[in-house]
Amino acid sequence: DRLENVFKELLSLLGGPSVFFKTGERVLIKPNLLTSAKPEEAITTHPVFVQAAVRILKEIGLEVSIADIPADHGLEINLDRLYRTTGMQDVADKEGVKLLTGCKFFEEEGVVLNSWVREFDHIVSLPKFKTHSLMTLTGAVKNIFGLTPRLYRVNLHKNFTKPDDFAVMLLDVYRKCKPTIAFVDGIMALEGDGPAHNGTPRKVGLVAASSDALALDSILAHVMGLKPDDIATNRQARIQNLGTTNLEEIEIKGDALGDFLTGSFKLPPAYMLAR
């Protein structure tokens, strides 16, 4: 119930639901379901967070579905197992919404995406606030990468081994998907050698939202104790004039950002080595 109120406040601060949605539209909720981790491990978007988002979107009068494609090929072909372990099945059962399992893909200008991208009026991104071994941060931009097929992602990791090259590719995917809004689950974040089981949960208590994923990731970088340009996707977005990454140009509403600055995050070893 408390989270529902937080979601309502966030939408109000951003101008209200009507700025983004019309009654009857179809919405795909895209959480971060990297692998079949339990919610308390802080690797995936928490089911309570997803449930609050579902309730708010349904209250607006939207038709809601939930889906993601994990990084594990065995789970990609067995999404039922993924949804059970991460708590999404319970959310779907309680709220009467669909969990999507049909993985059909299309290619557009060299980018391969799930057909879900074309089947919904809106994508609402629910990323988890985590460190990432290659990209330092996996937040609002990188969450959209989960709408590509897993084996395709493996190939991209082989082809783009440097953070800035990988960031350019991630921004191409982000542009094609055009999420309407992102709500970041930073209540329990993940620091250290993320984004999976080698990371360490860290209480931050942050819930943040924006229609600009780059602005959101820039704020997350600041909370981590970094500058926006320390994150490759932010650096490349600035070069491409995509989104807003300058903290001085980002208007922050709601609680003071200083309330969430609890000291620098433990960063991935790869980032420290690069520095």
Protein backbone atom coordinates (compact mmCIF):
# COMPACT_ATOMS: atom_id res chain seq x y z
CA ASP A 1 0.00 0.00 0.00
CA ARG A 2 2.84 2.38 0.78
CA LEU A 3 4.46 1.72 -2.59
CA GLU A 4 1.19 2.36 -4.39
CA ASN A 5 1.10 5.82 -2.83
CA VAL A 6 4.71 6.38 -3.89
CA PHE A 7 3.84 5.50 -7.50
CA LYS A 8 0.87 7.86 -7.41
CA GLU A 9 3.06 10.66 -6.07
CA LEU A 10 5.72 10.05 -8.72
CA LEU A 11 3.17 10.24 -11.53
CA SER A 12 1.67 13.38 -10.01
CA LEU A 13 5.09 15.06 -9.78
CA LEU A 14 5.66 14.23 -13.46
CA GLY A 15 2.42 15.89 -14.52
CA GLY A 16 -0.14 13.16 -13.91
CA PRO A 17 -1.04 9.90 -15.67
CA SER A 18 -2.76 11.69 -18.57
CA VAL A 19 0.63 13.04 -19.69
CA PHE A 20 1.65 9.48 -20.54
CA PHE A 21 -1.42 7.25 -20.92
CA LYS A 22 -4.96 7.07 -22.30
CA THR A 23 -7.65 4.80 -20.87
CA GLY A 24 -7.79 1.42 -22.59
CA GLU A 25 -4.23 1.40 -23.89
CA ARG A 26 -2.11 -1.75 -23.66
CA VAL A 27 0.97 -1.57 -21.44
CA LEU A 28 3.90 -3.96 -21.18
CA ILE A 29 5.62 -3.88 -17.80
CA LYS A 30 9.28 -4.80 -18.29
CA PRO A 31 11.01 -5.63 -14.96
CA ASN A 32 14.63 -6.77 -14.68
CA LEU A 33 14.40 -10.57 -14.45
CA LEU A 34 18.02 -11.37 -15.21
CA THR A 35 17.84 -14.88 -13.77
CA SER A 36 15.74 -17.06 -11.48
CA ALA A 37 16.87 -15.31 -8.31
CA LYS A 38 14.73 -14.95 -5.23
CA PRO A 39 13.42 -11.42 -4.55
CA GLU A 40 15.51 -10.92 -1.39
CA GLU A 41 18.74 -11.36 -3.38
CA ALA A 42 18.20 -7.89 -4.95
CA ILE A 43 19.12 -9.21 -8.40
CA THR A 44 15.67 -8.85 -9.92
CA THR A 45 12.94 -6.22 -9.64
CA HIS A 46 11.04 -7.03 -6.44
CA PRO A 47 7.55 -8.51 -6.99
CA VAL A 48 6.01 -6.08 -4.48
CA PHE A 49 7.41 -3.24 -6.59
CA VAL A 50 5.94 -4.78 -9.75
CA GLN A 51 2.60 -5.38 -8.03
CA ALA A 52 2.33 -1.73 -6.97
CA ALA A 53 3.02 -0.62 -10.55
CA VAL A 54 0.41 -3.05 -11.90
CA ARG A 55 -2.24 -1.76 -9.50
CA ILE A 56 -1.59 1.88 -10.37
CA LEU A 57 -1.66 1.24 -14.12
CA LYS A 58 -4.85 -0.80 -13.83
CA GLU A 59 -6.42 1.98 -11.78
CA ILE A 60 -5.71 4.38 -14.64
CA GLY A 61 -7.69 2.04 -16.90
CA LEU A 62 -4.84 0.34 -18.77
CA GLU A 63 -4.55 -3.27 -19.93
CA VAL A 64 -1.38 -4.60 -18.31
CA SER A 65 0.96 -7.50 -19.11
CA ILE A 66 4.37 -8.44 -17.64
CA ALA A 67 7.34 -9.92 -19.49
CA ASP A 68 11.12 -10.16 -19.68
CA ILE A 69 13.74 -12.39 -21.30
CA PRO A 70 16.46 -13.60 -18.88
CA ALA A 71 20.16 -13.95 -19.62
CA ASP A 72 19.98 -17.75 -19.21
CA HIS A 73 19.03 -19.61 -22.41
CA GLY A 74 17.55 -22.45 -20.37
CA LEU A 75 15.21 -19.96 -18.72
CA GLU A 76 14.39 -18.18 -21.99
CA ILE A 77 12.73 -21.39 -23.17
CA ASN A 78 11.19 -21.98 -19.73
CA LEU A 79 9.85 -18.58 -18.68
CA ASP A 80 7.30 -20.23 -16.37
CA ARG A 81 10.14 -21.25 -14.04
CA LEU A 82 11.60 -17.73 -14.15
CA TYR A 83 8.25 -16.14 -13.31
CA ARG A 84 7.65 -18.51 -10.38
CA THR A 85 11.05 -18.01 -8.75
CA THR A 86 11.11 -14.22 -9.10
CA GLY A 87 7.59 -13.85 -7.68
CA MET A 88 6.00 -12.62 -10.92
CA GLN A 89 3.60 -15.56 -11.07
CA ASP A 90 2.15 -14.58 -7.68
CA VAL A 91 1.72 -10.98 -8.88
CA ALA A 92 -0.05 -12.14 -12.04
CA ASP A 93 -2.35 -14.46 -10.08
CA LYS A 94 -3.27 -11.81 -7.52
CA GLU A 95 -3.78 -8.97 -9.99
CA GLY A 96 -5.25 -10.88 -12.93
CA VAL A 97 -2.65 -9.81 -15.49
CA LYS A 98 -0.85 -11.79 -18.18
CA LEU A 99 2.70 -13.10 -18.08
CA LEU A 100 4.00 -13.33 -21.64
CA THR A 101 5.94 -16.42 -22.73
CA GLY A 102 5.87 -16.38 -26.54
CA CYS A 103 9.33 -15.28 -27.76
CA LYS A 104 8.98 -14.20 -31.39
CA PHE A 105 11.47 -11.74 -32.81
CA PHE A 106 11.88 -9.25 -35.64
CA GLU A 107 14.84 -7.29 -36.97
CA GLU A 108 14.82 -3.55 -37.55
CA GLU A 109 17.91 -1.77 -38.85
CA GLY A 110 20.20 -4.42 -37.46
CA VAL A 111 18.53 -4.59 -34.04
CA VAL A 112 16.68 -7.80 -33.09
CA LEU A 113 13.72 -7.32 -30.73
CA ASN A 114 10.84 -9.30 -29.31
CA SER A 115 7.54 -8.78 -31.10
CA TRP A 116 6.15 -7.48 -27.80
CA VAL A 117 7.71 -4.12 -28.68
CA ARG A 118 5.21 -3.75 -31.54
CA GLU A 119 2.21 -5.28 -29.79
CA PHE A 120 1.81 -2.73 -26.97
CA ASP A 121 1.03 0.99 -26.84
CA HIS A 122 3.54 1.54 -24.05
CA ILE A 123 6.55 -0.07 -22.43
CA VAL A 124 6.85 0.75 -18.73
CA SER A 125 10.34 -0.12 -17.57
CA LEU A 126 10.91 -1.29 -13.98
CA PRO A 127 14.70 -1.63 -13.70
CA LYS A 128 16.59 -2.76 -10.64
CA PHE A 129 19.31 -0.41 -9.36
CA LYS A 130 22.51 -2.49 -9.67
CA THR A 131 26.17 -2.37 -10.48
CA HIS A 132 27.31 -4.16 -13.63
CA SER A 133 30.67 -5.81 -14.32
CA LEU A 134 31.02 -4.31 -17.81
CA MET A 135 28.82 -1.21 -17.80
CA THR A 136 29.30 -0.20 -14.11
CA LEU A 137 25.56 0.57 -13.83
CA THR A 138 22.58 -1.40 -15.05
CA GLY A 139 19.62 0.93 -14.72
CA ALA A 140 16.93 2.42 -16.92
CA VAL A 141 18.75 2.24 -20.27
CA LYS A 142 20.20 -1.23 -19.96
CA ASN A 143 16.97 -2.75 -18.66
CA ILE A 144 15.55 -2.46 -22.18
CA PHE A 145 18.26 -4.84 -23.43
CA GLY A 146 16.09 -7.62 -21.97
CA LEU A 147 13.71 -7.24 -24.92
CA THR A 148 16.30 -8.85 -27.21
CA PRO A 149 16.85 -12.64 -27.54
CA ARG A 150 19.36 -14.15 -25.19
CA LEU A 151 21.61 -15.79 -27.82
CA TYR A 152 21.67 -12.51 -29.75
CA ARG A 153 22.88 -10.81 -26.57
CA VAL A 154 25.69 -13.35 -26.22
CA ASN A 155 26.84 -12.49 -29.74
CA LEU A 156 26.71 -8.75 -28.98
CA HIS A 157 28.83 -9.23 -25.87
CA LYS A 158 31.42 -10.97 -28.05
CA ASN A 159 31.35 -8.21 -30.68
CA PHE A 160 31.32 -5.23 -28.30
CA THR A 161 33.84 -5.92 -25.56
CA LYS A 162 34.54 -2.29 -24.64
CA PRO A 163 32.01 -0.35 -22.51
CA ASP A 164 31.65 2.56 -24.94
CA ASP A 165 31.08 0.29 -27.94
CA PHE A 166 28.56 -1.73 -25.97
CA ALA A 167 26.88 1.52 -24.85
CA VAL A 168 26.34 2.65 -28.45
CA MET A 169 24.56 -0.64 -29.13
CA LEU A 170 22.44 -0.33 -25.97
CA LEU A 171 21.32 3.14 -27.02
CA ASP A 172 20.26 1.76 -30.42
CA VAL A 173 18.06 -0.79 -28.63
CA TYR A 174 16.70 1.91 -26.30
CA ARG A 175 15.72 4.14 -29.25
CA LYS A 176 13.88 1.31 -30.99
CA CYS A 177 11.85 0.40 -27.88
CA LYS A 178 11.13 3.95 -26.66
CA PRO A 179 9.86 3.15 -23.13
CA THR A 180 7.22 5.65 -22.04
CA ILE A 181 8.45 5.88 -18.46
CA ALA A 182 10.78 4.08 -16.06
CA PHE A 183 10.34 3.46 -12.34
CA VAL A 184 13.59 2.32 -10.69
CA ASP A 185 13.50 -0.17 -7.83
CA GLY A 186 16.33 1.14 -5.68
CA ILE A 187 14.83 0.13 -2.34
CA MET A 188 17.35 -2.70 -2.05
CA ALA A 189 20.09 -2.09 -4.62
CA LEU A 190 23.04 -4.29 -5.57
CA GLU A 191 26.66 -3.15 -5.27
CA GLY A 192 30.05 -4.73 -5.88
CA ASP A 193 30.50 -7.24 -8.69
CA GLY A 194 26.95 -7.09 -10.06
CA PRO A 195 24.60 -7.67 -11.78
CA ALA A 196 24.03 -11.18 -10.43
CA HIS A 197 25.00 -13.46 -7.56
CA ASN A 198 28.48 -11.98 -7.02
CA GLY A 199 26.94 -8.63 -6.05
CA THR A 200 25.99 -7.56 -2.53
CA PRO A 201 22.53 -6.20 -1.58
CA ARG A 202 22.57 -2.66 -0.23
CA LYS A 203 19.68 -0.75 1.30
CA VAL A 204 19.18 2.60 -0.45
CA GLY A 205 15.46 3.20 -0.02
CA LEU A 206 15.16 4.96 -3.38
CA VAL A 207 12.26 4.88 -5.83
CA ALA A 208 12.73 7.19 -8.81
CA ALA A 209 10.87 7.80 -12.07
CA SER A 210 11.37 9.66 -15.33
CA SER A 211 10.38 9.55 -18.98
CA ASP A 212 14.08 10.15 -19.73
CA ALA A 213 16.11 7.03 -18.95
CA LEU A 214 19.38 8.93 -19.37
CA ALA A 215 18.40 11.50 -16.76
CA LEU A 216 17.42 8.68 -14.43
CA ASP A 217 20.70 6.83 -14.92
CA SER A 218 22.61 10.07 -14.36
CA ILE A 219 20.91 10.45 -10.99
CA LEU A 220 21.66 6.81 -10.13
CA ALA A 221 25.32 7.40 -10.96
CA HIS A 222 25.32 10.35 -8.56
CA VAL A 223 23.79 8.20 -5.81
CA MET A 224 26.58 5.66 -6.44
CA GLY A 225 29.17 8.36 -5.82
CA LEU A 226 30.05 8.72 -9.51
CA LYS A 227 29.69 11.39 -12.16
CA PRO A 228 27.15 10.79 -14.96
CA ASP A 229 29.96 10.50 -17.52
CA ASP A 230 31.52 7.66 -15.53
CA ILE A 231 28.71 5.56 -17.07
CA ALA A 232 29.37 4.67 -20.72
CA THR A 233 25.73 4.93 -21.83
CA ASN A 234 25.58 8.46 -20.42
CA ARG A 235 28.84 9.42 -22.17
CA GLN A 236 27.65 8.13 -25.51
CA ALA A 237 24.18 9.64 -25.11
CA ARG A 238 25.75 13.05 -24.54
CA ILE A 239 27.77 12.66 -27.75
CA GLN A 240 24.57 11.71 -29.60
CA ASN A 241 22.55 14.48 -27.94
CA LEU A 242 20.15 11.87 -26.59
CA GLY A 243 18.38 12.56 -23.28
CA THR A 244 19.72 14.71 -20.47
CA THR A 245 22.84 13.70 -18.55
CA ASN A 246 23.93 17.04 -17.09
CA LEU A 247 22.87 17.09 -13.44
CA GLU A 248 22.43 20.86 -13.54
CA GLU A 249 19.79 20.47 -16.27
CA ILE A 250 17.79 17.77 -14.50
CA GLU A 251 14.90 19.00 -12.38
CA ILE A 252 14.48 16.84 -9.29
CA LYS A 253 11.12 16.73 -7.53
CA GLY A 254 10.02 14.89 -4.42
CA ASP A 255 12.45 14.06 -1.63
CA ALA A 256 15.87 15.72 -1.55
CA LEU A 257 18.48 13.73 -3.46
CA GLY A 258 20.85 14.14 -0.52
CA ASP A 259 18.61 11.82 1.51
CA PHE A 260 19.86 8.92 -0.62
CA LEU A 261 23.58 9.73 -0.71
CA THR A 262 24.86 7.16 1.76
CA GLY A 263 28.48 6.98 0.57
CA SER A 264 30.05 5.55 -2.55
CA PHE A 265 28.96 2.14 -3.81
CA LYS A 266 31.35 -0.76 -3.94
CA LEU A 267 32.13 -0.86 -7.66
CA PRO A 268 32.83 -3.84 -9.94
CA PRO A 269 36.49 -4.94 -10.07
CA ALA A 270 36.53 -4.35 -13.85
CA TYR A 271 35.63 -0.69 -13.34
CA MET A 272 38.31 -0.21 -10.72
CA LEU A 273 40.88 -1.86 -13.01
CA ALA A 274 39.89 0.41 -15.91
CA ARG A 275 40.26 3.48 -13.70
